[in-house]
Amino acid sequence: MRRTILALTILTIAAPAFARPGDRPTHLISADLGVTEATFIACFSGVSPDPDHDPTGATQQANKAVLLPCLQQANPDITNSALDIVMDRYRPEGPMRP
C-alpha cells in the first residue's frame, strides 16, 4: 500500500502540467490569466475539449461560456478578448473559429 501511494505521489509530482486539462500547459495559461493553476484546472473541469482537437466553433463558444464566468470569479479583470488571446496561444487545435 505504501509503495502504491508513493508511486502515485511521484507520478503526480513528475507529471508535466500540460498533461492535465486538454493537454494545455495549465501553469502558463493560469499565469497569463492571473489566476492560480488550481483555479484554472477547476474552471476547466466544466469544459468539454474535443479529443481530436477539432471542435466546432459552437463547441468552442459553449466551452468558453462555462470557462469565462468561472475564471472571472477569481479574476474579474479577465475579459472575453483576453481569454481568447491566452487560449489561442495554447490551444492545440489553433485559434478559435468564428
C-alpha atoms as a PDB file:
ATOM      1  CA  MET A   1       0.000   0.000   0.000  1.00  0.00           C
ATOM      2  CA  ARG A   2       2.799   2.421   0.885  1.00  0.00           C
ATOM      3  CA  ARG A   3       4.519   1.702  -2.423  1.00  0.00           C
ATOM      4  CA  THR A   4       1.312   2.414  -4.308  1.00  0.00           C
ATOM      5  CA  ILE A   5       0.829   5.721  -2.529  1.00  0.00           C
ATOM      6  CA  LEU A   6       4.469   6.639  -3.061  1.00  0.00           C
ATOM      7  CA  ALA A   7       4.271   5.746  -6.745  1.00  0.00           C
ATOM      8  CA  LEU A   8       1.111   7.796  -7.225  1.00  0.00           C
ATOM      9  CA  THR A   9       2.680  10.727  -5.412  1.00  0.00           C
ATOM     10  CA  ILE A  10       5.780  10.574  -7.603  1.00  0.00           C
ATOM     11  CA  LEU A  11       3.695  10.351 -10.765  1.00  0.00           C
ATOM     12  CA  THR A  12       1.579  13.299  -9.696  1.00  0.00           C
ATOM     13  CA  ILE A  13       4.609  15.432  -8.944  1.00  0.00           C
ATOM     14  CA  ALA A  14       6.506  14.349 -12.038  1.00  0.00           C
ATOM     15  CA  ALA A  15       3.571  14.686 -14.442  1.00  0.00           C
ATOM     16  CA  PRO A  16       4.014  17.685 -16.711  1.00  0.00           C
ATOM     17  CA  ALA A  17       1.464  20.461 -16.247  1.00  0.00           C
ATOM     18  CA  PHE A  18       0.334  20.182 -19.860  1.00  0.00           C
ATOM     19  CA  ALA A  19      -0.853  16.612 -19.255  1.00  0.00           C
ATOM     20  CA  ARG A  20      -3.914  17.964 -17.488  1.00  0.00           C
ATOM     21  CA  PRO A  21      -6.945  19.751 -18.945  1.00  0.00           C
ATOM     22  CA  GLY A  22      -6.993  19.159 -22.660  1.00  0.00           C
ATOM     23  CA  ASP A  23      -3.214  18.807 -22.996  1.00  0.00           C
ATOM     24  CA  ARG A  24      -2.791  22.502 -22.341  1.00  0.00           C
ATOM     25  CA  PRO A  25       0.085  23.972 -20.300  1.00  0.00           C
ATOM     26  CA  THR A  26      -2.108  24.920 -17.361  1.00  0.00           C
ATOM     27  CA  HIS A  27       0.720  26.586 -15.460  1.00  0.00           C
ATOM     28  CA  LEU A  28       1.342  29.003 -18.342  1.00  0.00           C
ATOM     29  CA  ILE A  29      -2.322  29.682 -19.071  1.00  0.00           C
ATOM     30  CA  SER A  30      -3.138  30.376 -15.442  1.00  0.00           C
ATOM     31  CA  ALA A  31      -0.160  32.723 -15.121  1.00  0.00           C
ATOM     32  CA  ASP A  32      -1.215  34.613 -18.256  1.00  0.00           C
ATOM     33  CA  LEU A  33      -4.757  34.950 -16.890  1.00  0.00           C
ATOM     34  CA  GLY A  34      -3.667  35.983 -13.405  1.00  0.00           C
ATOM     35  CA  VAL A  35      -5.280  33.050 -11.599  1.00  0.00           C
ATOM     36  CA  THR A  36      -3.808  30.085  -9.791  1.00  0.00           C
ATOM     37  CA  GLU A  37      -3.237  26.877 -11.677  1.00  0.00           C
ATOM     38  CA  ALA A  38      -5.677  25.124  -9.333  1.00  0.00           C
ATOM     39  CA  THR A  39      -8.346  27.699 -10.204  1.00  0.00           C
ATOM     40  CA  PHE A  40      -7.805  27.248 -13.926  1.00  0.00           C
ATOM     41  CA  ILE A  41      -7.971  23.463 -13.610  1.00  0.00           C
ATOM     42  CA  ALA A  42     -11.148  23.674 -11.529  1.00  0.00           C
ATOM     43  CA  CYS A  43     -12.790  26.050 -14.018  1.00  0.00           C
ATOM     44  CA  PHE A  44     -11.652  23.939 -16.959  1.00  0.00           C
ATOM     45  CA  SER A  45     -13.252  20.857 -15.418  1.00  0.00           C
ATOM     46  CA  GLY A  46     -16.611  22.061 -16.756  1.00  0.00           C
ATOM     47  CA  VAL A  47     -15.261  22.284 -20.310  1.00  0.00           C
ATOM     48  CA  SER A  48     -15.651  19.508 -22.880  1.00  0.00           C
ATOM     49  CA  PRO A  49     -12.497  19.548 -25.035  1.00  0.00           C
ATOM     50  CA  ASP A  50     -12.704  17.693 -28.323  1.00  0.00           C
ATOM     51  CA  PRO A  51     -10.456  14.607 -28.131  1.00  0.00           C
ATOM     52  CA  ASP A  52      -9.482  15.040 -31.788  1.00  0.00           C
ATOM     53  CA  HIS A  53      -8.632  18.725 -31.260  1.00  0.00           C
ATOM     54  CA  ASP A  54     -11.147  19.666 -33.959  1.00  0.00           C
ATOM     55  CA  PRO A  55     -14.084  21.256 -32.138  1.00  0.00           C
ATOM     56  CA  THR A  56     -16.726  23.208 -33.963  1.00  0.00           C
ATOM     57  CA  GLY A  57     -16.999  26.930 -33.377  1.00  0.00           C
ATOM     58  CA  ALA A  58     -20.219  26.257 -31.462  1.00  0.00           C
ATOM     59  CA  THR A  59     -18.435  23.808 -29.166  1.00  0.00           C
ATOM     60  CA  GLN A  60     -15.661  26.294 -28.518  1.00  0.00           C
ATOM     61  CA  GLN A  61     -18.232  29.001 -27.710  1.00  0.00           C
ATOM     62  CA  ALA A  62     -20.128  26.674 -25.359  1.00  0.00           C
ATOM     63  CA  ASN A  63     -16.909  25.776 -23.551  1.00  0.00           C
ATOM     64  CA  LYS A  64     -15.998  29.443 -23.195  1.00  0.00           C
ATOM     65  CA  ALA A  65     -19.457  30.157 -21.768  1.00  0.00           C
ATOM     66  CA  VAL A  66     -18.536  27.775 -18.927  1.00  0.00           C
ATOM     67  CA  LEU A  67     -14.897  28.781 -18.540  1.00  0.00           C
ATOM     68  CA  LEU A  68     -15.069  32.585 -18.641  1.00  0.00           C
ATOM     69  CA  PRO A  69     -17.549  33.214 -15.800  1.00  0.00           C
ATOM     70  CA  CYS A  70     -15.696  30.766 -13.567  1.00  0.00           C
ATOM     71  CA  LEU A  71     -12.357  32.454 -14.222  1.00  0.00           C
ATOM     72  CA  GLN A  72     -13.890  35.899 -13.729  1.00  0.00           C
ATOM     73  CA  GLN A  73     -14.916  34.885 -10.212  1.00  0.00           C
ATOM     74  CA  ALA A  74     -11.211  34.530  -9.420  1.00  0.00           C
ATOM     75  CA  ASN A  75     -10.061  37.497 -11.514  1.00  0.00           C
ATOM     76  CA  PRO A  76     -12.771  39.953 -12.616  1.00  0.00           C
ATOM     77  CA  ASP A  77     -10.281  41.650 -14.935  1.00  0.00           C
ATOM     78  CA  ILE A  78     -10.356  38.713 -17.374  1.00  0.00           C
ATOM     79  CA  THR A  79     -12.278  39.809 -20.444  1.00  0.00           C
ATOM     80  CA  ASN A  80     -13.674  37.726 -23.260  1.00  0.00           C
ATOM     81  CA  SER A  81     -10.956  39.091 -25.532  1.00  0.00           C
ATOM     82  CA  ALA A  82      -8.167  38.376 -23.023  1.00  0.00           C
ATOM     83  CA  LEU A  83      -9.389  34.800 -22.603  1.00  0.00           C
ATOM     84  CA  ASP A  84      -9.442  34.332 -26.394  1.00  0.00           C
ATOM     85  CA  ILE A  85      -5.900  35.636 -26.745  1.00  0.00           C
ATOM     86  CA  VAL A  86      -4.496  33.413 -23.995  1.00  0.00           C
ATOM     87  CA  MET A  87      -6.397  30.284 -25.019  1.00  0.00           C
ATOM     88  CA  ASP A  88      -5.498  30.760 -28.699  1.00  0.00           C
ATOM     89  CA  ARG A  89      -1.847  30.929 -27.673  1.00  0.00           C
ATOM     90  CA  TYR A  90      -2.037  27.461 -26.106  1.00  0.00           C
ATOM     91  CA  ARG A  91      -4.936  25.747 -27.904  1.00  0.00           C
ATOM     92  CA  PRO A  92      -3.687  22.519 -29.561  1.00  0.00           C
ATOM     93  CA  GLU A  93      -6.122  22.888 -32.452  1.00  0.00           C
ATOM     94  CA  GLY A  94      -5.153  26.502 -33.114  1.00  0.00           C
ATOM     95  CA  PRO A  95      -7.154  29.714 -32.756  1.00  0.00           C
ATOM     96  CA  MET A  96     -10.884  29.714 -32.108  1.00  0.00           C
ATOM     97  CA  ARG A  97     -13.117  29.508 -35.120  1.00  0.00           C
ATOM     98  CA  PRO A  98     -15.630  32.255 -35.889  1.00  0.00           C
END
